[in-house]
């Protein structure tokens, strides 16, 4: 009987465990997985281009991948993206609490509200929720998840063989949540982990999303197009976080690094990567992330105010194009050029030798634009192996990066001494956060 083999390395446990070991060898704080719950098929209402070009066509369940890496590492944190739009709070609370126990307190949850109609269709919905309503629902989702995580007090488990008492009932309670979007009773079935609860990552950058991020995020993932904009945005967000008592929240922009033994070799590598970019790839990914079919507009036609307002996906991407193009009504070509989607320069890119790249990273870090970085990869695992082999030793030599982990849990390694608690009212939002 004939069998069809599936031997692609990216679909194997060995592949991901190799990445995890590489990052842990380099003393990275965590490996962070993004996710989508649908294949990019918004462009032209078709998935053929996506499948043919492999444009985010395959996305494995990040929880299983993270557990695979976690079993091959000891200190590396594992950040997993999970949606508040298409899951239930109790399920998410139980899943992440269990992961955190199994991995010794090394787990983070990247909280997202999902993006587009393709995801909605996969979960039996006719359309995606509008932007602000997704965040209203997500606020209550967080109340439920964090509420369940807090229902087991530290020290509740006695495991006393003499008395036969497993846990003290007075230190475990029901949540009994009854809100606008959710009802969830409890008691919760997963005790607290070594770090108390998973670390919370968030990426909201525009208006309502930034209010959500400042309320819940302990690590905020951002995209800054350049250093000048990054400094201003970082100072603004840090000032707001201080005003609401969230001083320990860290901000980390995404960057690419292209490093080699010499600057010339790195520049040659960068030129090769830039030559791989195709406009149709960008259009597929823009349609996905903005939940708008870019096939419906000619390349040179400006978006109307109404069309821009109708975008329900990641509005920070829309706002970035408006800002960088200098046009209130950018064209499709402007979106391709200034979003950087599907190109080697979607994020700020540090190119050169180890010294060059370390200089550029220090310019951001010491210059007041970030608390750290989300290092994205052009190629996996190669980009990470080059970075760990060349850049990490240079940063460590300068005293700019850790040589050892501070502790065994992710909270210890990130310097987070407390946990975010659910509250009855949202943190104060600042009008200055609206863009």
Protein backbone atom coordinates (compact mmCIF):
# COMPACT_ATOMS: atom_id res chain seq x y z
CA UNK A 1 0.00 0.00 0.00
CA UNK A 2 1.39 3.40 -0.98
CA UNK A 3 1.72 6.08 1.69
CA UNK A 4 2.21 9.80 1.30
CA UNK A 5 5.10 10.98 3.44
CA UNK A 6 5.32 14.44 5.00
CA UNK A 7 8.95 15.29 5.61
CA UNK A 8 9.06 19.09 5.70
CA UNK A 9 11.35 20.07 8.56
CA UNK A 10 9.16 22.99 9.72
CA UNK A 11 6.41 20.49 10.54
CA UNK A 12 8.60 18.35 12.82
CA UNK A 13 9.27 18.50 16.55
CA UNK A 14 13.04 18.40 15.92
CA UNK A 15 12.82 21.66 13.97
CA UNK A 16 11.16 23.60 16.79
CA UNK A 17 13.27 22.03 19.51
CA UNK A 18 16.39 23.13 17.61
CA UNK A 19 15.06 26.70 17.58
CA UNK A 20 14.29 26.53 21.30
CA UNK A 21 17.74 25.23 22.20
CA UNK A 22 19.33 27.95 20.05
CA UNK A 23 17.38 30.70 21.78
CA UNK A 24 18.05 29.29 25.23
CA UNK A 25 21.77 29.05 24.44
CA UNK A 26 21.61 32.75 23.57
CA UNK A 27 19.76 33.50 26.86
CA UNK A 28 16.66 34.88 25.10
CA UNK A 29 13.87 35.61 27.57
CA UNK A 30 11.19 33.88 25.52
CA UNK A 31 10.16 32.46 22.18
CA UNK A 32 7.01 34.22 21.02
CA UNK A 33 4.52 32.68 18.55
CA UNK A 34 2.02 34.76 16.62
CA UNK A 35 -1.04 33.05 15.16
CA UNK A 36 -4.05 33.34 12.86
CA UNK A 37 -7.20 31.24 12.93
CA UNK A 38 -7.72 31.28 9.18
CA UNK A 39 -5.79 31.09 5.92
CA UNK A 40 -5.29 34.44 4.15
CA UNK A 41 -8.10 34.33 1.57
CA UNK A 42 -9.55 37.85 1.79
CA UNK A 43 -7.70 39.04 -1.34
CA UNK A 44 -10.04 38.35 -4.25
CA UNK A 45 -12.00 36.00 -1.98
CA UNK A 46 -9.59 33.23 -2.99
CA UNK A 47 -6.85 31.18 -1.33
CA UNK A 48 -5.09 29.90 -4.48
CA UNK A 49 -2.40 32.60 -4.44
CA UNK A 50 -1.84 31.99 -0.73
CA UNK A 51 -1.42 28.24 -1.12
CA UNK A 52 0.74 28.46 -4.24
CA UNK A 53 3.13 30.96 -2.67
CA UNK A 54 3.03 29.62 0.88
CA UNK A 55 1.92 33.02 2.18
CA UNK A 56 1.12 32.08 5.79
CA UNK A 57 -0.73 29.13 4.31
CA UNK A 58 0.22 26.71 7.09
CA UNK A 59 -0.11 27.62 10.76
CA UNK A 60 0.29 24.90 13.37
CA UNK A 61 -1.43 25.14 16.74
CA UNK A 62 1.03 27.27 18.76
CA UNK A 63 0.16 25.63 22.08
CA UNK A 64 1.39 22.24 20.89
CA UNK A 65 4.49 23.78 19.32
CA UNK A 66 5.29 25.70 22.50
CA UNK A 67 4.95 22.57 24.63
CA UNK A 68 7.27 20.76 22.21
CA UNK A 69 9.91 23.45 22.70
CA UNK A 70 9.27 23.61 26.43
CA UNK A 71 10.08 19.95 26.87
CA UNK A 72 13.48 20.52 25.23
CA UNK A 73 14.45 23.60 27.28
CA UNK A 74 14.72 24.58 30.94
CA UNK A 75 14.70 28.41 31.25
CA UNK A 76 13.38 29.77 27.95
CA UNK A 77 9.95 31.37 28.24
CA UNK A 78 7.22 30.40 25.77
CA UNK A 79 4.75 33.05 24.58
CA UNK A 80 1.64 31.78 22.77
CA UNK A 81 -1.00 33.79 20.88
CA UNK A 82 -4.61 32.94 21.71
CA UNK A 83 -7.76 34.81 20.71
CA UNK A 84 -10.38 36.33 22.99
CA UNK A 85 -12.81 36.49 20.07
CA UNK A 86 -13.34 32.82 19.23
CA UNK A 87 -12.59 30.94 22.44
CA UNK A 88 -14.23 30.78 25.85
CA UNK A 89 -12.52 32.33 28.91
CA UNK A 90 -12.65 29.19 31.05
CA UNK A 91 -10.99 27.15 28.29
CA UNK A 92 -8.20 29.71 27.84
CA UNK A 93 -7.67 30.05 31.59
CA UNK A 94 -7.40 26.27 32.03
CA UNK A 95 -5.16 25.76 28.99
CA UNK A 96 -2.59 28.40 29.93
CA UNK A 97 -2.62 27.57 33.65
CA UNK A 98 -1.95 23.92 32.79
CA UNK A 99 0.87 24.84 30.40
CA UNK A 100 2.40 27.05 33.07
CA UNK A 101 2.39 24.19 35.57
CA UNK A 102 3.85 21.71 33.08
CA UNK A 103 6.65 24.12 32.08
CA UNK A 104 7.55 25.30 35.58
CA UNK A 105 6.22 28.86 35.30
CA UNK A 106 7.65 29.82 31.90
CA UNK A 107 4.49 30.62 29.91
CA UNK A 108 3.12 33.87 28.49
CA UNK A 109 -0.21 34.51 26.79
CA UNK A 110 -0.21 36.93 23.85
CA UNK A 111 -3.76 38.29 24.05
CA UNK A 112 -5.33 39.08 20.66
CA UNK A 113 -8.82 39.89 19.40
CA UNK A 114 -8.41 38.23 15.96
CA UNK A 115 -8.51 40.04 12.66
CA UNK A 116 -10.84 39.15 9.86
CA UNK A 117 -13.84 37.46 8.31
CA UNK A 118 -11.87 34.34 7.34
CA UNK A 119 -11.37 33.60 11.04
CA UNK A 120 -15.03 34.32 11.74
CA UNK A 121 -16.12 31.87 9.02
CA UNK A 122 -14.00 29.09 10.54
CA UNK A 123 -15.91 29.48 13.80
CA UNK A 124 -19.38 29.59 12.30
CA UNK A 125 -19.78 33.37 12.29
CA UNK A 126 -21.00 35.38 9.31
CA UNK A 127 -18.64 38.32 9.93
CA UNK A 128 -15.97 39.58 12.28
CA UNK A 129 -16.96 41.78 15.22
CA UNK A 130 -16.28 45.50 14.78
CA UNK A 131 -13.03 46.88 16.19
CA UNK A 132 -14.18 48.52 19.44
CA UNK A 133 -16.71 45.83 20.30
CA UNK A 134 -13.97 43.20 20.08
CA UNK A 135 -12.03 45.08 22.75
CA UNK A 136 -15.09 45.62 24.95
CA UNK A 137 -15.66 41.86 24.86
CA UNK A 138 -11.96 41.22 25.41
CA UNK A 139 -11.92 43.35 28.58
CA UNK A 140 -14.57 41.14 30.12
CA UNK A 141 -12.78 38.04 28.81
CA UNK A 142 -9.70 39.12 30.76
CA UNK A 143 -11.76 39.70 33.90
CA UNK A 144 -12.96 36.11 33.72
CA UNK A 145 -9.58 34.53 32.94
CA UNK A 146 -7.69 36.45 35.62
CA UNK A 147 -10.57 35.92 38.00
CA UNK A 148 -10.29 32.16 37.63
CA UNK A 149 -6.49 32.28 37.98
CA UNK A 150 -6.91 34.09 41.31
CA UNK A 151 -9.41 31.65 42.84
CA UNK A 152 -6.69 29.34 44.16
CA UNK A 153 -4.69 31.13 46.82
CA UNK A 154 -0.98 30.53 47.22
CA UNK A 155 -0.50 27.73 49.73
CA UNK A 156 -3.99 26.30 49.21
CA UNK A 157 -2.61 22.83 48.51
CA UNK A 158 -1.61 21.02 51.72
CA UNK A 159 -1.17 17.47 50.38
CA UNK A 160 -1.21 16.28 54.00
CA UNK A 161 -1.07 12.48 54.01
CA UNK A 162 -1.60 12.25 57.75
CA UNK A 163 -4.89 14.16 57.78
CA UNK A 164 -5.91 13.17 54.25
CA UNK A 165 -6.44 16.83 53.31
CA UNK A 166 -5.47 17.68 49.73
CA UNK A 167 -6.24 21.40 49.87
CA UNK A 168 -7.82 23.89 52.26
CA UNK A 169 -11.39 24.60 50.99
CA UNK A 170 -11.43 28.10 52.48
CA UNK A 171 -8.52 29.04 50.18
CA UNK A 172 -10.32 28.00 46.99
CA UNK A 173 -13.42 29.86 45.77
CA UNK A 174 -15.84 30.05 42.90
CA UNK A 175 -15.64 32.99 40.51
CA UNK A 176 -19.41 33.29 39.87
CA UNK A 177 -18.98 35.76 37.02
CA UNK A 178 -22.16 37.01 35.34
CA UNK A 179 -21.48 39.78 32.83
CA UNK A 180 -22.54 41.27 29.53
CA UNK A 181 -20.70 38.74 27.36
CA UNK A 182 -19.83 35.83 29.63
CA UNK A 183 -21.08 33.71 32.50
CA UNK A 184 -18.60 31.42 34.25
CA UNK A 185 -19.02 29.83 37.66
CA UNK A 186 -16.06 27.71 38.72
CA UNK A 187 -14.45 26.48 40.90
CA UNK A 188 -11.38 26.56 38.68
CA UNK A 189 -9.58 23.23 38.42
CA UNK A 190 -5.92 24.27 38.02
CA UNK A 191 -3.87 25.48 41.02
CA UNK A 192 -1.39 28.33 40.68
CA UNK A 193 2.00 27.79 39.05
CA UNK A 194 5.50 28.64 40.25
CA UNK A 195 5.13 32.16 38.81
CA UNK A 196 1.54 32.64 40.00
CA UNK A 197 0.02 33.01 36.56
CA UNK A 198 1.20 33.35 32.93
CA UNK A 199 2.75 36.63 31.80
CA UNK A 200 0.43 38.75 29.63
CA UNK A 201 1.62 40.07 26.25
CA UNK A 202 -0.39 42.56 24.23
CA UNK A 203 0.12 44.47 21.00
CA UNK A 204 -2.55 47.18 20.88
CA UNK A 205 -1.18 50.40 19.42
CA UNK A 206 -4.16 52.41 18.16
CA UNK A 207 -6.95 54.06 20.14
CA UNK A 208 -9.06 51.41 21.85
CA UNK A 209 -6.35 48.77 21.40
CA UNK A 210 -3.78 50.87 23.23
CA UNK A 211 -6.15 51.38 26.13
CA UNK A 212 -6.57 47.61 26.31
CA UNK A 213 -2.80 47.04 26.15
CA UNK A 214 -2.08 49.55 28.91
CA UNK A 215 -4.68 47.96 31.17
CA UNK A 216 -3.60 44.34 30.81
CA UNK A 217 -0.20 44.01 29.12
CA UNK A 218 2.92 43.21 31.11
CA UNK A 219 4.95 43.09 27.92
CA UNK A 220 3.70 45.24 25.04
CA UNK A 221 4.76 44.24 21.54
CA UNK A 222 4.87 47.21 19.14
CA UNK A 223 5.88 48.11 15.60
CA UNK A 224 7.79 51.37 15.30
CA UNK A 225 8.70 52.29 11.70
CA UNK A 226 11.84 54.21 12.66
CA UNK A 227 13.83 55.48 15.63
CA UNK A 228 12.40 59.00 15.66
CA UNK A 229 8.78 57.81 15.77
CA UNK A 230 9.79 55.06 18.20
CA UNK A 231 11.25 57.49 20.75
CA UNK A 232 8.16 59.67 20.75
CA UNK A 233 5.71 56.76 20.94
CA UNK A 234 7.74 55.02 23.66
CA UNK A 235 7.91 58.17 25.82
CA UNK A 236 4.17 58.75 25.42
CA UNK A 237 3.22 55.19 26.34
CA UNK A 238 5.65 55.02 29.26
CA UNK A 239 4.25 58.26 30.66
CA UNK A 240 0.73 56.88 30.49
CA UNK A 241 1.77 53.57 32.09
CA UNK A 242 3.38 55.44 34.99
CA UNK A 243 0.20 57.48 35.48
CA UNK A 244 -1.88 54.31 36.01
CA UNK A 245 0.67 52.49 38.19
CA UNK A 246 1.97 50.12 35.50
CA UNK A 247 5.67 51.03 35.72
CA UNK A 248 6.90 47.45 35.32
CA UNK A 249 5.28 46.99 31.89
CA UNK A 250 7.94 46.62 29.21
CA UNK A 251 7.72 47.77 25.59
CA UNK A 252 9.47 45.76 22.87
CA UNK A 253 9.41 46.71 19.17
CA UNK A 254 9.77 44.10 16.44
CA UNK A 255 13.01 44.28 14.45
CA UNK A 256 14.77 42.27 11.81
CA UNK A 257 18.50 41.63 11.97
CA UNK A 258 20.68 40.63 9.02
CA UNK A 259 24.12 39.82 10.38
CA UNK A 260 27.23 38.21 8.95
CA UNK A 261 30.96 38.10 9.61
CA UNK A 262 31.46 41.32 7.64
CA UNK A 263 29.28 44.28 6.73
CA UNK A 264 29.64 43.52 3.02
CA UNK A 265 28.45 39.95 3.49
CA UNK A 266 25.43 41.17 5.47
CA UNK A 267 24.56 43.77 2.83
CA UNK A 268 24.74 41.12 0.11
CA UNK A 269 22.40 38.93 2.17
CA UNK A 270 20.01 41.85 2.61
CA UNK A 271 19.99 42.57 -1.12
CA UNK A 272 19.06 38.95 -1.79
CA UNK A 273 16.20 39.10 0.72
CA UNK A 274 14.83 42.33 -0.76
CA UNK A 275 14.81 40.70 -4.19
CA UNK A 276 12.41 38.03 -2.94
CA UNK A 277 9.58 40.49 -2.23
CA UNK A 278 6.52 40.32 -4.52
CA UNK A 279 3.68 42.88 -4.56
CA UNK A 280 1.01 40.16 -4.67
CA UNK A 281 2.32 38.72 -1.41
CA UNK A 282 1.95 42.13 0.21
CA UNK A 283 -1.61 42.49 -1.10
CA UNK A 284 -2.59 39.07 0.26
CA UNK A 285 -1.21 39.89 3.70
CA UNK A 286 -2.61 43.44 3.74
CA UNK A 287 -6.07 42.08 2.91
CA UNK A 288 -5.70 39.61 5.77
CA UNK A 289 -4.45 42.00 8.42
CA UNK A 290 -6.81 44.86 7.54
CA UNK A 291 -9.85 42.68 6.71
CA UNK A 292 -10.29 44.53 3.44
CA UNK A 293 -10.14 43.09 -0.08
CA UNK A 294 -7.33 44.99 -1.84
CA UNK A 295 -8.26 43.27 -5.10
CA UNK A 296 -11.25 45.61 -5.36
CA UNK A 297 -9.13 48.76 -5.92
CA UNK A 298 -6.66 49.81 -8.65
CA UNK A 299 -3.08 50.29 -7.41
CA UNK A 300 -3.08 54.06 -7.83
CA UNK A 301 -6.56 54.80 -6.45
CA UNK A 302 -6.73 56.58 -3.07
CA UNK A 303 -8.86 55.17 -0.27
CA UNK A 304 -11.83 57.33 0.64
CA UNK A 305 -12.44 58.38 4.25
CA UNK A 306 -15.33 55.92 4.38
CA UNK A 307 -13.14 53.05 3.12
CA UNK A 308 -10.43 53.79 5.67
CA UNK A 309 -13.02 53.90 8.45
CA UNK A 310 -14.41 50.54 7.31
CA UNK A 311 -11.11 48.78 8.01
CA UNK A 312 -11.77 46.50 10.99
CA UNK A 313 -8.42 44.71 11.21
CA UNK A 314 -5.23 46.06 12.79
CA UNK A 315 -5.76 49.79 12.58
CA UNK A 316 -2.21 50.59 13.64
CA UNK A 317 -1.12 49.24 10.23
CA UNK A 318 -3.54 51.64 8.53
CA UNK A 319 -2.35 54.51 10.73
CA UNK A 320 1.29 53.74 9.97
CA UNK A 321 0.66 54.03 6.21
CA UNK A 322 -1.18 57.33 6.64
CA UNK A 323 1.63 58.66 8.84
CA UNK A 324 4.57 57.59 6.69
CA UNK A 325 3.00 58.44 3.34
CA UNK A 326 1.95 61.88 4.56
CA UNK A 327 -1.37 61.36 2.77
CA UNK A 328 -4.72 61.40 4.52
CA UNK A 329 -6.05 59.13 1.77
CA UNK A 330 -3.23 56.78 0.71
CA UNK A 331 -3.40 54.58 -2.37
CA UNK A 332 -3.03 50.82 -2.62
CA UNK A 333 0.56 51.41 -3.76
CA UNK A 334 1.14 53.48 -0.62
CA UNK A 335 -0.08 50.57 1.50
CA UNK A 336 2.35 48.21 -0.24
CA UNK A 337 5.26 50.64 0.13
CA UNK A 338 4.77 51.99 3.64
CA UNK A 339 3.36 48.96 5.43
CA UNK A 340 6.36 46.86 4.45
CA UNK A 341 4.20 43.74 4.47
CA UNK A 342 5.89 40.70 2.88
CA UNK A 343 9.19 42.55 2.56
CA UNK A 344 12.54 42.45 4.32
CA UNK A 345 11.79 45.88 5.81
CA UNK A 346 8.39 45.42 7.41
CA UNK A 347 10.13 46.17 10.70
CA UNK A 348 13.25 48.28 11.33
CA UNK A 349 16.14 46.21 10.02
CA UNK A 350 19.61 46.22 11.54
CA UNK A 351 22.17 45.14 8.93
CA UNK A 352 25.91 44.53 9.20
CA UNK A 353 28.55 42.79 11.25
CA UNK A 354 28.00 41.87 14.87
CA UNK A 355 29.43 45.23 15.92
CA UNK A 356 27.20 47.10 13.45
CA UNK A 357 24.03 45.35 14.61
CA UNK A 358 24.90 45.75 18.29
CA UNK A 359 25.52 49.48 17.69
CA UNK A 360 22.10 49.87 16.07
CA UNK A 361 20.33 47.96 18.84
CA UNK A 362 22.05 50.02 21.52
CA UNK A 363 21.05 53.22 19.72
CA UNK A 364 17.40 52.23 20.24
CA UNK A 365 17.78 50.70 23.69
CA UNK A 366 20.02 53.35 25.27
CA UNK A 367 18.37 56.14 23.29
CA UNK A 368 14.97 55.70 24.92
CA UNK A 369 12.94 53.85 22.30
CA UNK A 370 12.39 50.47 23.98
CA UNK A 371 12.95 48.13 26.92
CA UNK A 372 14.03 45.24 24.68
CA UNK A 373 13.29 43.76 21.27
CA UNK A 374 11.16 41.16 19.55
CA UNK A 375 13.76 39.75 17.15
CA UNK A 376 11.92 38.50 14.06
CA UNK A 377 13.54 36.17 11.54
CA UNK A 378 13.83 36.38 7.77
CA UNK A 379 14.77 32.70 7.70
CA UNK A 380 14.31 30.07 10.37
CA UNK A 381 16.34 28.76 12.08
CA UNK A 382 19.21 30.51 10.26
CA UNK A 383 18.47 34.08 11.36
CA UNK A 384 18.36 33.05 15.01
CA UNK A 385 21.50 30.95 14.78
CA UNK A 386 23.40 33.84 13.17
CA UNK A 387 22.15 36.25 15.84
CA UNK A 388 23.07 33.96 18.74
CA UNK A 389 26.47 33.11 17.26
CA UNK A 390 27.48 36.67 16.34
CA UNK A 391 25.40 39.40 18.03
CA UNK A 392 24.69 37.94 21.48
CA UNK A 393 28.40 37.61 22.43
CA UNK A 394 28.98 41.21 21.32
CA UNK A 395 26.05 42.51 23.39
CA UNK A 396 27.21 40.46 26.38
CA UNK A 397 30.77 41.79 26.00
CA UNK A 398 29.36 45.32 26.24
CA UNK A 399 27.25 44.49 29.28
CA UNK A 400 24.05 45.17 27.32
CA UNK A 401 22.57 41.68 27.60
CA UNK A 402 22.36 38.97 30.23
CA UNK A 403 24.90 36.14 30.40
CA UNK A 404 22.69 33.98 32.61
CA UNK A 405 19.00 33.73 33.43
CA UNK A 406 17.93 35.54 36.60
CA UNK A 407 15.72 32.68 37.77
CA UNK A 408 13.67 29.67 36.79
CA UNK A 409 10.36 31.40 35.92
CA UNK A 410 9.59 33.84 33.14
CA UNK A 411 8.47 36.47 35.65
CA UNK A 412 11.81 36.28 37.43
CA UNK A 413 13.68 36.58 34.15
CA UNK A 414 11.60 39.58 33.02
CA UNK A 415 11.88 41.29 36.41
CA UNK A 416 8.13 41.11 37.03
CA UNK A 417 7.61 40.88 40.78
CA UNK A 418 3.80 41.04 40.79
CA UNK A 419 0.91 39.81 38.65
CA UNK A 420 -1.91 41.67 36.92
CA UNK A 421 -5.18 41.24 38.81
CA UNK A 422 -8.71 41.45 37.46
CA UNK A 423 -10.50 44.62 38.55
CA UNK A 424 -14.08 45.79 38.53
CA UNK A 425 -13.32 48.91 36.47
CA UNK A 426 -10.85 49.48 33.65
CA UNK A 427 -7.68 51.44 34.15
CA UNK A 428 -7.99 55.12 33.34
CA UNK A 429 -7.64 55.74 29.63
CA UNK A 430 -5.89 58.84 28.33
CA UNK A 431 -7.13 60.78 25.32
CA UNK A 432 -3.48 61.17 24.38
CA UNK A 433 -3.43 57.47 23.53
CA UNK A 434 -5.90 57.90 20.69
CA UNK A 435 -4.25 58.28 17.31
